């Protein structure tokens, strides 16, 4: 998944596992080190993770329920020479198996 920087993102976590809790937490992958990501761009429904209350993410979403949050996509990181910034997301309850990545890309890099 790739996003341009600075756009509004509406994300709904729809937990269809009746007896399992899930969440969605975003981190920045920089120089092979994972950093907490706080966008300063949360518009609605964002909550921190258990480990970092300023972290972008969802609350715990119980089985059979959903949660929607809205945030502004991250900026490109000015100190990096690339026109792509890589972010990872995972479920705090299942971090070894429920993971993914998204990229923030500059103009012309989304094609």
PDB file of N, CA and C in Angstrom:
ATOM      1  N   UNK A   1       0.858  -1.155   0.000  1.00  0.00           N
ATOM      2  CA  UNK A   1       0.000   0.000   0.000  1.00  0.00           C
ATOM      3  C   UNK A   1       0.910   1.225   0.000  1.00  0.00           C
ATOM      4  N   UNK A   2       0.592   2.196  -0.832  1.00  0.00           N
ATOM      5  CA  UNK A   2       1.361   3.440  -0.893  1.00  0.00           C
ATOM      6  C   UNK A   2       0.416   4.629  -0.826  1.00  0.00           C
ATOM      7  N   UNK A   3       0.836   5.643  -0.108  1.00  0.00           N
ATOM      8  CA  UNK A   3       0.039   6.854   0.079  1.00  0.00           C
ATOM      9  C   UNK A   3       0.885   8.073  -0.248  1.00  0.00           C
ATOM     10  N   UNK A   4       0.273   9.126  -0.772  1.00  0.00           N
ATOM     11  CA  UNK A   4       1.006  10.381  -0.859  1.00  0.00           C
ATOM     12  C   UNK A   4       1.062  11.006   0.539  1.00  0.00           C
ATOM     13  N   UNK A   5       2.032  11.868   0.806  1.00  0.00           N
ATOM     14  CA  UNK A   5       2.095  12.507   2.120  1.00  0.00           C
ATOM     15  C   UNK A   5       0.968  13.515   2.305  1.00  0.00           C
ATOM     16  N   UNK A   6       0.499  13.638   3.542  1.00  0.00           N
ATOM     17  CA  UNK A   6      -0.437  14.695   3.893  1.00  0.00           C
ATOM     18  C   UNK A   6      -1.871  14.521   3.444  1.00  0.00           C
ATOM     19  N   UNK A   7      -2.298  13.284   3.154  1.00  0.00           N
ATOM     20  CA  UNK A   7      -3.694  13.072   2.776  1.00  0.00           C
ATOM     21  C   UNK A   7      -4.459  12.500   3.967  1.00  0.00           C
ATOM     22  N   UNK A   8      -5.764  12.704   3.974  1.00  0.00           N
ATOM     23  CA  UNK A   8      -6.607  12.162   5.031  1.00  0.00           C
ATOM     24  C   UNK A   8      -6.858  10.685   4.771  1.00  0.00           C
ATOM     25  N   UNK A   9      -6.603   9.869   5.786  1.00  0.00           N
ATOM     26  CA  UNK A   9      -6.795   8.423   5.698  1.00  0.00           C
ATOM     27  C   UNK A   9      -7.870   8.035   6.704  1.00  0.00           C
ATOM     28  N   UNK A  10      -8.890   7.330   6.240  1.00  0.00           N
ATOM     29  CA  UNK A  10      -9.926   6.794   7.118  1.00  0.00           C
ATOM     30  C   UNK A  10      -9.734   5.286   7.127  1.00  0.00           C
ATOM     31  N   UNK A  11      -9.457   4.731   8.294  1.00  0.00           N
ATOM     32  CA  UNK A  11      -9.164   3.312   8.417  1.00  0.00           C
ATOM     33  C   UNK A  11     -10.149   2.682   9.385  1.00  0.00           C
ATOM     34  N   UNK A  12     -10.768   1.593   8.966  1.00  0.00           N
ATOM     35  CA  UNK A  12     -11.672   0.851   9.842  1.00  0.00           C
ATOM     36  C   UNK A  12     -11.097  -0.531  10.088  1.00  0.00           C
ATOM     37  N   UNK A  13     -10.911  -0.858  11.349  1.00  0.00           N
ATOM     38  CA  UNK A  13     -10.497  -2.195  11.748  1.00  0.00           C
ATOM     39  C   UNK A  13     -11.772  -2.957  12.084  1.00  0.00           C
ATOM     40  N   UNK A  14     -12.124  -3.919  11.245  1.00  0.00           N
ATOM     41  CA  UNK A  14     -13.344  -4.710  11.400  1.00  0.00           C
ATOM     42  C   UNK A  14     -12.943  -6.094  11.890  1.00  0.00           C
ATOM     43  N   UNK A  15     -13.089  -6.331  13.184  1.00  0.00           N
ATOM     44  CA  UNK A  15     -12.660  -7.587  13.791  1.00  0.00           C
ATOM     45  C   UNK A  15     -13.758  -8.633  13.659  1.00  0.00           C
ATOM     46  N   UNK A  16     -13.565  -9.568  12.760  1.00  0.00           N
ATOM     47  CA  UNK A  16     -14.554 -10.617  12.527  1.00  0.00           C
ATOM     48  C   UNK A  16     -14.223 -11.901  13.286  1.00  0.00           C
ATOM     49  N   UNK A  17     -13.171 -11.877  14.106  1.00  0.00           N
ATOM     50  CA  UNK A  17     -12.830 -13.018  14.961  1.00  0.00           C
ATOM     51  C   UNK A  17     -13.611 -12.871  16.262  1.00  0.00           C
ATOM     52  N   UNK A  18     -14.660 -13.633  16.413  1.00  0.00           N
ATOM     53  CA  UNK A  18     -15.597 -13.454  17.530  1.00  0.00           C
ATOM     54  C   UNK A  18     -14.948 -13.461  18.915  1.00  0.00           C
ATOM     55  N   UNK A  19     -13.959 -14.310  19.151  1.00  0.00           N
ATOM     56  CA  UNK A  19     -13.400 -14.450  20.494  1.00  0.00           C
ATOM     57  C   UNK A  19     -11.966 -13.939  20.618  1.00  0.00           C
ATOM     58  N   UNK A  20     -11.540 -13.082  19.680  1.00  0.00           N
ATOM     59  CA  UNK A  20     -10.152 -12.627  19.661  1.00  0.00           C
ATOM     60  C   UNK A  20     -10.115 -11.098  19.587  1.00  0.00           C
ATOM     61  N   UNK A  21      -9.222 -10.494  20.353  1.00  0.00           N
ATOM     62  CA  UNK A  21      -9.030  -9.046  20.331  1.00  0.00           C
ATOM     63  C   UNK A  21      -7.897  -8.702  19.369  1.00  0.00           C
ATOM     64  N   UNK A  22      -8.067  -7.607  18.604  1.00  0.00           N
ATOM     65  CA  UNK A  22      -7.042  -7.148  17.677  1.00  0.00           C
ATOM     66  C   UNK A  22      -6.834  -5.643  17.848  1.00  0.00           C
ATOM     67  N   UNK A  23      -5.775  -5.129  17.234  1.00  0.00           N
ATOM     68  CA  UNK A  23      -5.506  -3.691  17.212  1.00  0.00           C
ATOM     69  C   UNK A  23      -4.707  -3.373  15.954  1.00  0.00           C
ATOM     70  N   UNK A  24      -4.458  -2.080  15.726  1.00  0.00           N
ATOM     71  CA  UNK A  24      -3.691  -1.611  14.569  1.00  0.00           C
ATOM     72  C   UNK A  24      -2.774  -0.509  15.065  1.00  0.00           C
ATOM     73  N   UNK A  25      -1.460  -0.710  14.969  1.00  0.00           N
ATOM     74  CA  UNK A  25      -0.483   0.252  15.457  1.00  0.00           C
ATOM     75  C   UNK A  25       0.542   0.521  14.365  1.00  0.00           C
ATOM     76  N   UNK A  26       0.906   1.788  14.165  1.00  0.00           N
ATOM     77  CA  UNK A  26       1.824   2.189  13.090  1.00  0.00           C
ATOM     78  C   UNK A  26       3.186   2.578  13.669  1.00  0.00           C
ATOM     79  N   UNK A  27       4.253   2.119  12.997  1.00  0.00           N
ATOM     80  CA  UNK A  27       5.630   2.449  13.358  1.00  0.00           C
ATOM     81  C   UNK A  27       6.390   2.833  12.100  1.00  0.00           C
ATOM     82  N   UNK A  28       7.414   3.667  12.262  1.00  0.00           N
ATOM     83  CA  UNK A  28       8.288   4.061  11.160  1.00  0.00           C
ATOM     84  C   UNK A  28       9.504   3.143  11.134  1.00  0.00           C
ATOM     85  N   UNK A  29       9.843   2.627   9.958  1.00  0.00           N
ATOM     86  CA  UNK A  29      11.036   1.792   9.811  1.00  0.00           C
ATOM     87  C   UNK A  29      12.155   2.646   9.239  1.00  0.00           C
ATOM     88  N   UNK A  30      13.072   3.059  10.077  1.00  0.00           N
ATOM     89  CA  UNK A  30      14.166   3.904   9.614  1.00  0.00           C
ATOM     90  C   UNK A  30      15.505   3.256   9.868  1.00  0.00           C
ATOM     91  N   UNK A  31      16.297   3.114   8.840  1.00  0.00           N
ATOM     92  CA  UNK A  31      17.633   2.533   8.968  1.00  0.00           C
ATOM     93  C   UNK A  31      17.594   1.211   9.727  1.00  0.00           C
ATOM     94  N   UNK A  32      16.602   0.393   9.405  1.00  0.00           N
ATOM     95  CA  UNK A  32      16.424  -0.931  10.011  1.00  0.00           C
ATOM     96  C   UNK A  32      16.119  -0.869  11.505  1.00  0.00           C
ATOM     97  N   UNK A  33      15.743   0.288  12.007  1.00  0.00           N
ATOM     98  CA  UNK A  33      15.342   0.435  13.403  1.00  0.00           C
ATOM     99  C   UNK A  33      13.889   0.869  13.413  1.00  0.00           C
ATOM    100  N   UNK A  34      13.098   0.264  14.272  1.00  0.00           N
ATOM    101  CA  UNK A  34      11.679   0.596  14.345  1.00  0.00           C
ATOM    102  C   UNK A  34      11.483   1.714  15.355  1.00  0.00           C
ATOM    103  N   UNK A  35      10.819   2.800  14.924  1.00  0.00           N
ATOM    104  CA  UNK A  35      10.578   3.961  15.775  1.00  0.00           C
ATOM    105  C   UNK A  35       9.079   4.162  15.950  1.00  0.00           C
ATOM    106  N   UNK A  36       8.636   4.567  17.149  1.00  0.00           N
ATOM    107  CA  UNK A  36       7.227   4.913  17.299  1.00  0.00           C
ATOM    108  C   UNK A  36       6.865   6.030  16.333  1.00  0.00           C
ATOM    109  N   UNK A  37       5.649   5.998  15.851  1.00  0.00           N
ATOM    110  CA  UNK A  37       5.210   7.037  14.923  1.00  0.00           C
ATOM    111  C   UNK A  37       4.050   7.798  15.535  1.00  0.00           C
ATOM    112  N   UNK A  38       4.231   9.077  15.741  1.00  0.00           N
ATOM    113  CA  UNK A  38       3.177   9.957  16.209  1.00  0.00           C
ATOM    114  C   UNK A  38       3.006  11.035  15.155  1.00  0.00           C
ATOM    115  N   UNK A  39       1.934  10.958  14.382  1.00  0.00           N
ATOM    116  CA  UNK A  39       1.808  11.854  13.250  1.00  0.00           C
ATOM    117  C   UNK A  39       1.477  13.285  13.597  1.00  0.00           C
ATOM    118  N   UNK A  40       0.965  13.534  14.781  1.00  0.00           N
ATOM    119  CA  UNK A  40       0.478  14.866  15.069  1.00  0.00           C
ATOM    120  C   UNK A  40      -0.683  15.203  14.154  1.00  0.00           C
ATOM    121  N   UNK A  41      -1.159  14.204  13.422  1.00  0.00           N
ATOM    122  CA  UNK A  41      -2.201  14.428  12.444  1.00  0.00           C
ATOM    123  C   UNK A  41      -3.438  13.597  12.698  1.00  0.00           C
ATOM    124  N   UNK A  42      -3.613  13.114  13.927  1.00  0.00           N
ATOM    125  CA  UNK A  42      -4.807  12.341  14.231  1.00  0.00           C
ATOM    126  C   UNK A  42      -6.014  13.265  14.176  1.00  0.00           C
ATOM    127  N   UNK A  43      -6.987  12.876  13.394  1.00  0.00           N
ATOM    128  CA  UNK A  43      -8.174  13.709  13.243  1.00  0.00           C
ATOM    129  C   UNK A  43      -9.346  13.189  14.059  1.00  0.00           C
ATOM    130  N   UNK A  44      -9.409  11.863  14.267  1.00  0.00           N
ATOM    131  CA  UNK A  44     -10.547  11.298  14.993  1.00  0.00           C
ATOM    132  C   UNK A  44     -10.278   9.838  15.327  1.00  0.00           C
ATOM    133  N   UNK A  45     -10.525   9.436  16.564  1.00  0.00           N
ATOM    134  CA  UNK A  45     -10.544   8.032  16.934  1.00  0.00           C
ATOM    135  C   UNK A  45      -9.211   7.356  17.137  1.00  0.00           C
ATOM    136  N   UNK A  46      -8.100   8.090  17.066  1.00  0.00           N
ATOM    137  CA  UNK A  46      -6.791   7.471  17.283  1.00  0.00           C
ATOM    138  C   UNK A  46      -6.552   7.338  18.778  1.00  0.00           C
ATOM    139  N   UNK A  47      -5.920   6.262  19.145  1.00  0.00           N
ATOM    140  CA  UNK A  47      -5.555   6.066  20.538  1.00  0.00           C
ATOM    141  C   UNK A  47      -4.155   5.507  20.591  1.00  0.00           C
ATOM    142  N   UNK A  48      -3.460   5.758  21.677  1.00  0.00           N
ATOM    143  CA  UNK A  48      -2.107   5.254  21.818  1.00  0.00           C
ATOM    144  C   UNK A  48      -2.080   3.768  22.086  1.00  0.00           C
ATOM    145  N   UNK A  49      -0.907   3.199  21.917  1.00  0.00           N
ATOM    146  CA  UNK A  49      -0.711   1.799  22.231  1.00  0.00           C
ATOM    147  C   UNK A  49      -0.457   1.665  23.730  1.00  0.00           C
ATOM    148  N   UNK A  50      -0.449   0.434  24.223  1.00  0.00           N
ATOM    149  CA  UNK A  50      -0.154   0.218  25.632  1.00  0.00           C
ATOM    150  C   UNK A  50       1.262   0.671  25.977  1.00  0.00           C
ATOM    151  N   UNK A  51       2.199   0.507  25.035  1.00  0.00           N
ATOM    152  CA  UNK A  51       3.589   0.845  25.312  1.00  0.00           C
ATOM    153  C   UNK A  51       3.896   2.327  25.123  1.00  0.00           C
ATOM    154  N   UNK A  52       3.093   3.038  24.343  1.00  0.00           N
ATOM    155  CA  UNK A  52       3.345   4.456  24.078  1.00  0.00           C
ATOM    156  C   UNK A  52       2.018   5.161  23.844  1.00  0.00           C
ATOM    157  N   UNK A  53       1.538   5.935  24.822  1.00  0.00           N
ATOM    158  CA  UNK A  53       0.225   6.561  24.690  1.00  0.00           C
ATOM    159  C   UNK A  53       0.127   7.568  23.553  1.00  0.00           C
ATOM    160  N   UNK A  54       1.265   8.015  23.012  1.00  0.00           N
ATOM    161  CA  UNK A  54       1.235   8.944  21.884  1.00  0.00           C
ATOM    162  C   UNK A  54       1.278   8.225  20.538  1.00  0.00           C
ATOM    163  N   UNK A  55       1.337   6.923  20.559  1.00  0.00           N
ATOM    164  CA  UNK A  55       1.446   6.121  19.343  1.00  0.00           C
ATOM    165  C   UNK A  55       0.173   6.195  18.510  1.00  0.00           C
ATOM    166  N   UNK A  56       0.317   6.252  17.191  1.00  0.00           N
ATOM    167  CA  UNK A  56      -0.846   6.198  16.312  1.00  0.00           C
ATOM    168  C   UNK A  56      -1.360   4.770  16.268  1.00  0.00           C
ATOM    169  N   UNK A  57      -2.627   4.598  16.556  1.00  0.00           N
ATOM    170  CA  UNK A  57      -3.198   3.265  16.476  1.00  0.00           C
ATOM    171  C   UNK A  57      -4.620   3.238  16.971  1.00  0.00           C
ATOM    172  N   UNK A  58      -5.161   2.047  16.940  1.00  0.00           N
ATOM    173  CA  UNK A  58      -6.528   1.843  17.399  1.00  0.00           C
ATOM    174  C   UNK A  58      -6.501   1.371  18.847  1.00  0.00           C
ATOM    175  N   UNK A  59      -7.627   1.464  19.527  1.00  0.00           N
ATOM    176  CA  UNK A  59      -7.725   0.807  20.823  1.00  0.00           C
ATOM    177  C   UNK A  59      -7.851  -0.695  20.586  1.00  0.00           C
ATOM    178  N   UNK A  60      -7.911  -1.462  21.646  1.00  0.00           N
ATOM    179  CA  UNK A  60      -8.199  -2.890  21.518  1.00  0.00           C
ATOM    180  C   UNK A  60      -9.602  -3.032  20.940  1.00  0.00           C
ATOM    181  N   UNK A  61      -9.715  -3.825  19.886  1.00  0.00           N
ATOM    182  CA  UNK A  61     -11.007  -4.020  19.223  1.00  0.00           C
ATOM    183  C   UNK A  61     -11.444  -5.457  19.492  1.00  0.00           C
ATOM    184  N   UNK A  62     -12.477  -5.589  20.314  1.00  0.00           N
ATOM    185  CA  UNK A  62     -12.973  -6.907  20.694  1.00  0.00           C
ATOM    186  C   UNK A  62     -13.599  -7.615  19.497  1.00  0.00           C
ATOM    187  N   UNK A  63     -13.655  -8.944  19.582  1.00  0.00           N
ATOM    188  CA  UNK A  63     -14.241  -9.744  18.511  1.00  0.00           C
ATOM    189  C   UNK A  63     -15.668  -9.327  18.195  1.00  0.00           C
ATOM    190  N   UNK A  64     -15.976  -9.276  16.899  1.00  0.00           N
ATOM    191  CA  UNK A  64     -17.320  -8.927  16.458  1.00  0.00           C
ATOM    192  C   UNK A  64     -17.616  -7.439  16.458  1.00  0.00           C
ATOM    193  N   UNK A  65     -16.600  -6.595  16.716  1.00  0.00           N
ATOM    194  CA  UNK A  65     -16.809  -5.146  16.695  1.00  0.00           C
ATOM    195  C   UNK A  65     -15.828  -4.509  15.705  1.00  0.00           C
ATOM    196  N   UNK A  66     -15.983  -3.209  15.500  1.00  0.00           N
ATOM    197  CA  UNK A  66     -15.061  -2.491  14.620  1.00  0.00           C
ATOM    198  C   UNK A  66     -14.735  -1.133  15.234  1.00  0.00           C
ATOM    199  N   UNK A  67     -13.687  -0.526  14.721  1.00  0.00           N
ATOM    200  CA  UNK A  67     -13.284   0.808  15.165  1.00  0.00           C
ATOM    201  C   UNK A  67     -12.739   1.555  13.958  1.00  0.00           C
ATOM    202  N   UNK A  68     -13.174   2.802  13.786  1.00  0.00           N
ATOM    203  CA  UNK A  68     -12.699   3.636  12.685  1.00  0.00           C
ATOM    204  C   UNK A  68     -11.896   4.796  13.251  1.00  0.00           C
ATOM    205  N   UNK A  69     -10.745   5.052  12.650  1.00  0.00           N
ATOM    206  CA  UNK A  69     -10.002   6.246  13.013  1.00  0.00           C
ATOM    207  C   UNK A  69      -9.517   6.935  11.753  1.00  0.00           C
ATOM    208  N   UNK A  70      -9.295   8.234  11.882  1.00  0.00           N
ATOM    209  CA  UNK A  70      -8.922   9.084  10.753  1.00  0.00           C
ATOM    210  C   UNK A  70      -7.644   9.825  11.116  1.00  0.00           C
ATOM    211  N   UNK A  71      -6.685   9.809  10.193  1.00  0.00           N
ATOM    212  CA  UNK A  71      -5.427  10.504  10.441  1.00  0.00           C
ATOM    213  C   UNK A  71      -4.884  11.053   9.125  1.00  0.00           C
ATOM    214  N   UNK A  72      -3.926  11.939   9.242  1.00  0.00           N
ATOM    215  CA  UNK A  72      -3.242  12.482   8.078  1.00  0.00           C
ATOM    216  C   UNK A  72      -2.029  11.608   7.794  1.00  0.00           C
ATOM    217  N   UNK A  73      -1.852  11.197   6.536  1.00  0.00           N
ATOM    218  CA  UNK A  73      -0.706  10.342   6.210  1.00  0.00           C
ATOM    219  C   UNK A  73       0.592  11.073   6.545  1.00  0.00           C
ATOM    220  N   UNK A  74       1.610  10.316   6.934  1.00  0.00           N
ATOM    221  CA  UNK A  74       2.864  10.928   7.364  1.00  0.00           C
ATOM    222  C   UNK A  74       3.542  11.714   6.252  1.00  0.00           C
ATOM    223  N   UNK A  75       4.403  12.644   6.636  1.00  0.00           N
ATOM    224  CA  UNK A  75       5.197  13.364   5.636  1.00  0.00           C
ATOM    225  C   UNK A  75       6.357  12.492   5.178  1.00  0.00           C
ATOM    226  N   UNK A  76       6.938  12.858   4.054  1.00  0.00           N
ATOM    227  CA  UNK A  76       8.228  12.268   3.693  1.00  0.00           C
ATOM    228  C   UNK A  76       9.248  12.803   4.681  1.00  0.00           C
ATOM    229  N   UNK A  77      10.202  11.999   5.050  1.00  0.00           N
ATOM    230  CA  UNK A  77      11.186  12.424   6.035  1.00  0.00           C
ATOM    231  C   UNK A  77      12.293  13.210   5.351  1.00  0.00           C
ATOM    232  N   UNK A  78      12.430  14.461   5.721  1.00  0.00           N
ATOM    233  CA  UNK A  78      13.308  15.397   5.018  1.00  0.00           C
ATOM    234  C   UNK A  78      14.783  14.998   5.059  1.00  0.00           C
ATOM    235  N   UNK A  79      15.210  14.305   6.115  1.00  0.00           N
ATOM    236  CA  UNK A  79      16.631  13.984   6.217  1.00  0.00           C
ATOM    237  C   UNK A  79      17.031  12.793   5.353  1.00  0.00           C
ATOM    238  N   UNK A  80      16.060  12.109   4.783  1.00  0.00           N
ATOM    239  CA  UNK A  80      16.380  10.936   3.964  1.00  0.00           C
ATOM    240  C   UNK A  80      16.475  11.347   2.502  1.00  0.00           C
ATOM    241  N   UNK A  81      17.369  10.720   1.780  1.00  0.00           N
ATOM    242  CA  UNK A  81      17.565  11.080   0.376  1.00  0.00           C
ATOM    243  C   UNK A  81      16.514  10.442  -0.524  1.00  0.00           C
ATOM    244  N   UNK A  82      15.904   9.351  -0.073  1.00  0.00           N
ATOM    245  CA  UNK A  82      14.903   8.688  -0.894  1.00  0.00           C
ATOM    246  C   UNK A  82      13.606   9.488  -0.911  1.00  0.00           C
ATOM    247  N   UNK A  83      12.796   9.229  -1.928  1.00  0.00           N
ATOM    248  CA  UNK A  83      11.492   9.886  -1.991  1.00  0.00           C
ATOM    249  C   UNK A  83      10.411   8.960  -1.454  1.00  0.00           C
ATOM    250  N   UNK A  84      10.815   7.907  -0.732  1.00  0.00           N
ATOM    251  CA  UNK A  84       9.874   6.975  -0.109  1.00  0.00           C
ATOM    252  C   UNK A  84      10.205   6.852   1.376  1.00  0.00           C
ATOM    253  N   UNK A  85       9.182   6.785   2.210  1.00  0.00           N
ATOM    254  CA  UNK A  85       9.360   6.503   3.634  1.00  0.00           C
ATOM    255  C   UNK A  85       8.546   5.258   3.944  1.00  0.00           C
ATOM    256  N   UNK A  86       9.140   4.314   4.661  1.00  0.00           N
ATOM    257  CA  UNK A  86       8.491   3.032   4.922  1.00  0.00           C
ATOM    258  C   UNK A  86       7.968   2.976   6.355  1.00  0.00           C
ATOM    259  N   UNK A  87       6.730   2.527   6.482  1.00  0.00           N
ATOM    260  CA  UNK A  87       6.085   2.369   7.777  1.00  0.00           C
ATOM    261  C   UNK A  87       5.583   0.937   7.902  1.00  0.00           C
ATOM    262  N   UNK A  88       5.532   0.448   9.110  1.00  0.00           N
ATOM    263  CA  UNK A  88       4.992  -0.883   9.344  1.00  0.00           C
ATOM    264  C   UNK A  88       3.801  -0.761  10.284  1.00  0.00           C
ATOM    265  N   UNK A  89       2.910  -1.724  10.209  1.00  0.00           N
ATOM    266  CA  UNK A  89       1.792  -1.762  11.148  1.00  0.00           C
ATOM    267  C   UNK A  89       1.621  -3.191  11.617  1.00  0.00           C
ATOM    268  N   UNK A  90       1.079  -3.338  12.814  1.00  0.00           N
ATOM    269  CA  UNK A  90       0.810  -4.669  13.335  1.00  0.00           C
ATOM    270  C   UNK A  90      -0.248  -4.625  14.407  1.00  0.00           C
ATOM    271  N   UNK A  91      -0.735  -5.804  14.715  1.00  0.00           N
ATOM    272  CA  UNK A  91      -1.673  -6.005  15.820  1.00  0.00           C
ATOM    273  C   UNK A  91      -0.835  -6.171  17.085  1.00  0.00           C
ATOM    274  N   UNK A  92      -1.091  -5.370  18.094  1.00  0.00           N
ATOM    275  CA  UNK A  92      -0.317  -5.491  19.333  1.00  0.00           C
ATOM    276  C   UNK A  92      -0.541  -6.822  20.040  1.00  0.00           C
ATOM    277  N   UNK A  93      -1.650  -7.478  19.745  1.00  0.00           N
ATOM    278  CA  UNK A  93      -1.949  -8.755  20.382  1.00  0.00           C
ATOM    279  C   UNK A  93      -1.328  -9.927  19.626  1.00  0.00           C
ATOM    280  N   UNK A  94      -0.993  -9.715  18.351  1.00  0.00           N
ATOM    281  CA  UNK A  94      -0.426 -10.770  17.498  1.00  0.00           C
ATOM    282  C   UNK A  94       0.703 -10.193  16.631  1.00  0.00           C
ATOM    283  N   UNK A  95       1.734  -9.588  17.246  1.00  0.00           N
ATOM    284  CA  UNK A  95       2.755  -8.868  16.472  1.00  0.00           C
ATOM    285  C   UNK A  95       3.644  -9.755  15.606  1.00  0.00           C
ATOM    286  N   UNK A  96       3.674 -11.040  15.870  1.00  0.00           N
ATOM    287  CA  UNK A  96       4.512 -11.930  15.067  1.00  0.00           C
ATOM    288  C   UNK A  96       3.821 -12.417  13.803  1.00  0.00           C
ATOM    289  N   UNK A  97       2.497 -12.341  13.767  1.00  0.00           N
ATOM    290  CA  UNK A  97       1.774 -12.904  12.622  1.00  0.00           C
ATOM    291  C   UNK A  97       0.896 -11.905  11.882  1.00  0.00           C
ATOM    292  N   UNK A  98       0.465 -10.847  12.522  1.00  0.00           N
ATOM    293  CA  UNK A  98      -0.434  -9.882  11.881  1.00  0.00           C
ATOM    294  C   UNK A  98       0.319  -8.574  11.672  1.00  0.00           C
ATOM    295  N   UNK A  99       1.013  -8.482  10.526  1.00  0.00           N
ATOM    296  CA  UNK A  99       1.842  -7.327  10.221  1.00  0.00           C
ATOM    297  C   UNK A  99       1.667  -6.915   8.768  1.00  0.00           C
ATOM    298  N   UNK A 100       2.095  -5.729   8.458  1.00  0.00           N
ATOM    299  CA  UNK A 100       2.082  -5.258   7.078  1.00  0.00           C
ATOM    300  C   UNK A 100       2.912  -3.993   6.967  1.00  0.00           C
ATOM    301  N   UNK A 101       3.034  -3.480   5.756  1.00  0.00           N
ATOM    302  CA  UNK A 101       3.786  -2.255   5.513  1.00  0.00           C
ATOM    303  C   UNK A 101       3.005  -1.326   4.612  1.00  0.00           C
ATOM    304  N   UNK A 102       3.282  -0.037   4.761  1.00  0.00           N
ATOM    305  CA  UNK A 102       2.827   0.919   3.760  1.00  0.00           C
ATOM    306  C   UNK A 102       3.936   1.934   3.549  1.00  0.00           C
ATOM    307  N   UNK A 103       3.892   2.564   2.404  1.00  0.00           N
ATOM    308  CA  UNK A 103       4.903   3.530   2.000  1.00  0.00           C
ATOM    309  C   UNK A 103       4.253   4.887   1.820  1.00  0.00           C
ATOM    310  N   UNK A 104       4.980   5.928   2.174  1.00  0.00           N
ATOM    311  CA  UNK A 104       4.596   7.285   1.818  1.00  0.00           C
ATOM    312  C   UNK A 104       5.551   7.681   0.704  1.00  0.00           C
ATOM    313  N   UNK A 105       4.976   8.089  -0.419  1.00  0.00           N
ATOM    314  CA  UNK A 105       5.772   8.323  -1.619  1.00  0.00           C
ATOM    315  C   UNK A 105       5.583   9.735  -2.142  1.00  0.00           C
ATOM    316  N   UNK A 106       6.634  10.269  -2.713  1.00  0.00           N
ATOM    317  CA  UNK A 106       6.582  11.589  -3.320  1.00  0.00           C
ATOM    318  C   UNK A 106       5.925  11.548  -4.686  1.00  0.00           C
ATOM    319  N   UNK A 107       5.710  12.698  -5.295  1.00  0.00           N
ATOM    320  CA  UNK A 107       5.092  12.761  -6.617  1.00  0.00           C
ATOM    321  C   UNK A 107       5.861  11.906  -7.623  1.00  0.00           C
ATOM    322  N   UNK A 108       5.133  11.150  -8.411  1.00  0.00           N
ATOM    323  CA  UNK A 108       5.737  10.309  -9.431  1.00  0.00           C
ATOM    324  C   UNK A 108       6.165   8.944  -8.943  1.00  0.00           C
ATOM    325  N   UNK A 109       6.182   8.721  -7.619  1.00  0.00           N
ATOM    326  CA  UNK A 109       6.607   7.431  -7.087  1.00  0.00           C
ATOM    327  C   UNK A 109       5.447   6.488  -6.806  1.00  0.00           C
ATOM    328  N   UNK A 110       4.223   6.934  -7.007  1.00  0.00           N
ATOM    329  CA  UNK A 110       3.055   6.100  -6.724  1.00  0.00           C
ATOM    330  C   UNK A 110       2.578   5.321  -7.937  1.00  0.00           C
ATOM    331  N   UNK A 111       3.175   5.535  -9.099  1.00  0.00           N
ATOM    332  CA  UNK A 111       2.710   4.846 -10.302  1.00  0.00           C
ATOM    333  C   UNK A 111       3.142   3.410 -10.325  1.00  0.00           C
TER     334      UNK A 111
END
